[in-house]
Protein backbone atom coordinates (compact mmCIF):
# COMPACT_ATOMS: atom_id res chain seq x y z
CA MET A 1 116.48 141.87 179.34
CA ASN A 2 113.27 143.64 179.31
CA PRO A 3 110.14 141.26 179.91
CA TYR A 4 108.06 143.63 177.71
CA PHE A 5 110.51 143.32 175.01
CA CYS A 6 110.49 139.52 175.00
CA LYS A 7 106.77 139.31 175.03
CA THR A 8 106.72 141.81 172.01
CA ALA A 9 109.32 139.75 170.18
CA PHE A 10 107.56 136.52 170.92
CA ALA A 11 104.23 137.99 169.68
CA LEU A 12 105.67 139.44 166.59
CA SER A 13 107.39 136.05 165.72
CA ALA A 14 104.02 134.13 166.27
CA ILE A 15 102.28 136.81 164.17
CA LEU A 16 104.92 136.34 161.42
CA ILE A 17 104.83 132.45 161.48
CA LEU A 18 100.95 132.49 161.39
CA GLY A 19 101.11 134.95 158.51
CA SER A 20 103.56 132.95 156.46
CA LEU A 21 101.55 129.85 157.09
CA LEU A 22 98.29 131.60 156.00
CA PHE A 23 100.27 132.88 152.89
CA ARG A 24 101.46 129.48 152.17
CA PHE A 25 97.96 127.70 152.45
CA THR A 26 95.90 130.31 150.71
CA ILE A 27 98.19 131.94 147.87
CA ILE A 28 100.81 129.23 147.13
CA SER A 29 98.42 126.15 147.47
CA GLY A 30 95.96 128.03 145.15
CA GLN A 31 98.61 128.70 142.50
CA ASN A 32 99.82 124.94 142.62
CA ARG A 33 96.20 123.69 142.27
CA GLU A 34 95.92 126.13 139.22
CA ILE A 35 99.17 124.94 137.67
CA ASP A 36 98.11 121.19 138.17
CA ARG A 37 94.74 122.05 136.51
CA LEU A 38 96.30 123.65 133.42
CA ALA A 39 99.01 120.93 133.13
CA THR A 40 96.04 118.45 133.06
CA ALA A 41 94.22 120.65 130.53
CA TYR A 42 97.27 120.85 128.40
CA LEU A 43 97.90 116.98 128.41
CA LYS A 44 94.19 116.40 127.45
CA ALA A 45 94.31 118.95 124.52
CA ARG A 46 97.69 117.28 123.34
CA THR A 47 96.53 113.61 123.47
CA LYS A 48 93.19 114.41 121.84
CA THR A 49 91.10 111.70 123.43
CA ASP A 50 88.23 112.63 121.43
CA PRO A 51 86.88 109.59 119.66
CA ASP A 52 86.35 111.60 116.33
CA TYR A 53 90.00 112.66 116.42
CA LYS A 54 90.99 108.97 116.56
CA LEU A 55 88.61 108.08 113.71
CA GLN A 56 89.97 110.86 111.61
CA SER A 57 93.42 109.86 112.29
CA SER A 58 93.08 106.23 111.45
CA ILE A 59 91.31 107.14 108.20
CA HIS A 60 94.13 109.44 107.33
CA LYS A 61 96.68 106.76 108.08
CA ALA A 62 94.66 104.25 106.13
CA GLN A 63 94.71 106.55 103.09
CA GLN A 64 98.41 107.13 103.42
CA ASP A 65 98.85 103.40 103.50
CA ARG A 66 96.72 102.83 100.33
CA ASN A 67 98.70 105.68 98.40
CA SER A 68 101.80 104.11 99.56
CA VAL A 69 100.78 100.68 97.98
CA VAL A 70 99.46 102.06 94.79
CA SER A 71 102.69 104.18 94.18
CA SER A 72 104.83 101.00 94.80
CA LEU A 73 102.87 99.04 92.10
CA PRO A 74 104.51 98.98 88.64
CA ALA A 75 103.34 101.18 85.92
CA PHE A 76 101.07 100.00 83.34
CA HIS A 77 103.75 99.90 80.64
CA LYS A 78 106.09 97.62 82.68
CA PHE A 79 103.56 94.61 82.63
CA PRO A 80 105.25 92.85 79.56
CA TYR A 81 108.51 92.86 81.53
CA ILE A 82 106.87 91.24 84.31
CA VAL A 83 105.35 88.47 82.19
CA LYS A 84 108.76 88.10 80.52
CA ASP A 85 110.30 87.49 83.97
CA ILE A 86 107.68 84.86 84.77
CA SER A 87 108.41 83.09 81.39
CA ASP A 88 112.05 83.36 82.08
CA LEU A 89 111.53 81.68 85.51
CA ILE A 90 109.68 78.72 83.83
CA GLN A 91 112.47 78.29 81.32
CA LYS A 92 115.33 78.81 83.98
CA ASN A 93 113.73 75.82 86.16
CA ASP A 94 113.33 73.48 83.23
CA LEU A 95 109.65 73.44 83.48
CA THR A 96 106.98 73.01 80.81
CA SER A 97 103.92 75.28 80.95
CA SER A 98 100.44 75.83 79.46
CA GLY A 99 98.22 78.57 79.49
CA LEU A 100 100.30 81.60 80.39
CA LEU A 101 97.80 84.03 79.23
CA PHE A 102 96.66 87.17 81.04
CA LYS A 103 93.45 88.85 80.81
CA PRO A 104 93.35 92.60 81.66
CA ILE A 105 90.54 93.91 83.77
CA LYS A 106 90.29 97.58 84.57
CA THR A 107 89.38 97.95 88.43
CA ALA A 108 86.78 100.32 89.55
CA ARG A 109 88.98 101.83 92.28
CA LEU A 110 92.13 103.71 92.07
CA GLY A 111 92.55 103.43 88.36
CA LEU A 112 94.46 100.25 88.62
CA TRP A 113 94.74 97.38 85.99
CA GLU A 114 94.48 93.81 87.18
CA TYR A 115 96.00 91.10 84.90
CA GLY A 116 94.91 87.68 85.90
CA SER A 117 95.97 84.26 84.70
CA GLN A 118 95.49 80.80 85.33
CA PHE A 119 98.29 78.56 83.98
CA SER A 120 100.01 75.28 84.92
CA VAL A 121 103.62 74.11 85.03
CA ARG A 122 105.00 70.62 85.12
CA GLY A 123 108.46 69.29 86.32
CA GLY A 124 110.29 67.72 89.15
CA TYR A 125 109.69 68.50 92.78
CA PRO A 126 113.14 70.56 93.20
CA ASP A 127 112.24 72.59 90.02
CA ILE A 128 108.71 73.37 91.18
CA LYS A 129 110.06 74.35 94.60
CA SER A 130 112.63 76.61 93.19
CA PHE A 131 109.98 77.99 90.75
CA ILE A 132 107.48 78.82 93.66
CA ALA A 133 110.26 80.49 95.73
CA GLU A 134 111.52 82.69 92.89
CA LEU A 135 107.99 83.54 91.76
CA HIS A 136 107.39 84.75 95.38
CA LEU A 137 110.31 87.10 95.19
CA LEU A 138 109.33 88.44 91.88
CA ALA A 139 108.83 92.27 91.83
CA GLY A 140 105.44 93.18 90.54
CA LEU A 141 103.63 90.01 91.39
CA ASN A 142 100.83 90.85 93.97
CA THR A 143 98.52 88.11 94.36
CA ILE A 144 98.81 84.19 94.20
CA SER A 145 95.34 83.16 94.79
CA ARG A 146 95.53 79.49 94.21
CA LEU A 147 98.14 76.67 94.07
CA SER A 148 97.14 73.15 93.14
CA PHE A 149 99.66 70.30 93.21
CA THR A 150 98.95 66.99 91.27
CA LYS A 151 101.28 63.99 90.95
CA MET A 152 101.47 62.95 87.52
CA PRO A 153 102.08 59.27 86.58
CA GLU A 154 105.53 58.17 85.45
CA ILE A 155 105.75 56.84 82.10
CA ARG A 156 108.92 54.42 81.55
CA ASP A 157 108.84 53.16 78.00
CA GLU A 158 111.99 53.82 76.31
CA VAL A 159 112.80 57.15 78.03
CA THR A 160 111.89 58.14 81.76
CA ILE A 161 109.83 61.20 81.71
CA LYS A 162 110.90 63.80 84.17
CA ASP A 163 107.49 65.50 84.55
CA LYS A 164 106.37 64.06 88.05
CA ILE A 165 104.34 67.14 89.31
CA SER A 166 101.77 69.47 87.78
CA LEU A 167 101.36 72.76 89.56
CA ASP A 168 98.06 74.80 88.68
CA ILE A 169 98.32 78.33 89.78
CA ASN A 170 96.07 81.47 89.64
CA ILE A 171 98.00 84.81 89.92
CA ALA A 172 96.97 88.46 89.55
CA LEU A 173 99.29 91.40 88.64
CA TYR A 174 98.22 94.94 89.38
CA CYS A 175 99.62 97.91 87.46
CA ARG A 176 98.96 101.64 87.87
CA GLY A 177 97.07 103.17 84.98
CA ASP A 178 99.74 105.96 84.23
């Protein structure tokens, strides 16, 4: 073999290897850095780490939640049926009641009507317990703001009186104004 040819081939191989290394570290590495920079910018733009965006997003979600609650409330004209359901619960559980009167109040926000009542029921413990459980599940009842139990004295003359517990309760019903 020709020694000049071997030296030339070796020199040419060394130049090609150095050229490919130079190409790799200048061009390809630069492109990789640019791709990483663009990917980071994309993620930053997609996640919206801007505090104003988070605030606007939470306000929008709160408005959606409020609209959802308002739309789930019964309409104004369904109020008498809800009162009838409460009255039926009292009768179903063999309770005696007093003061089941509702006072309408037009709320300043969202065009809702609030009907508030403070009344009392009397009966045995199992009946009161059943009444509270069923009242809690009643559709349209929104707020039970106060429950107060009082033990009533037993009267044993000729007949044993069943009324042993008195329950004072404050409730509020909210209805849409439509």
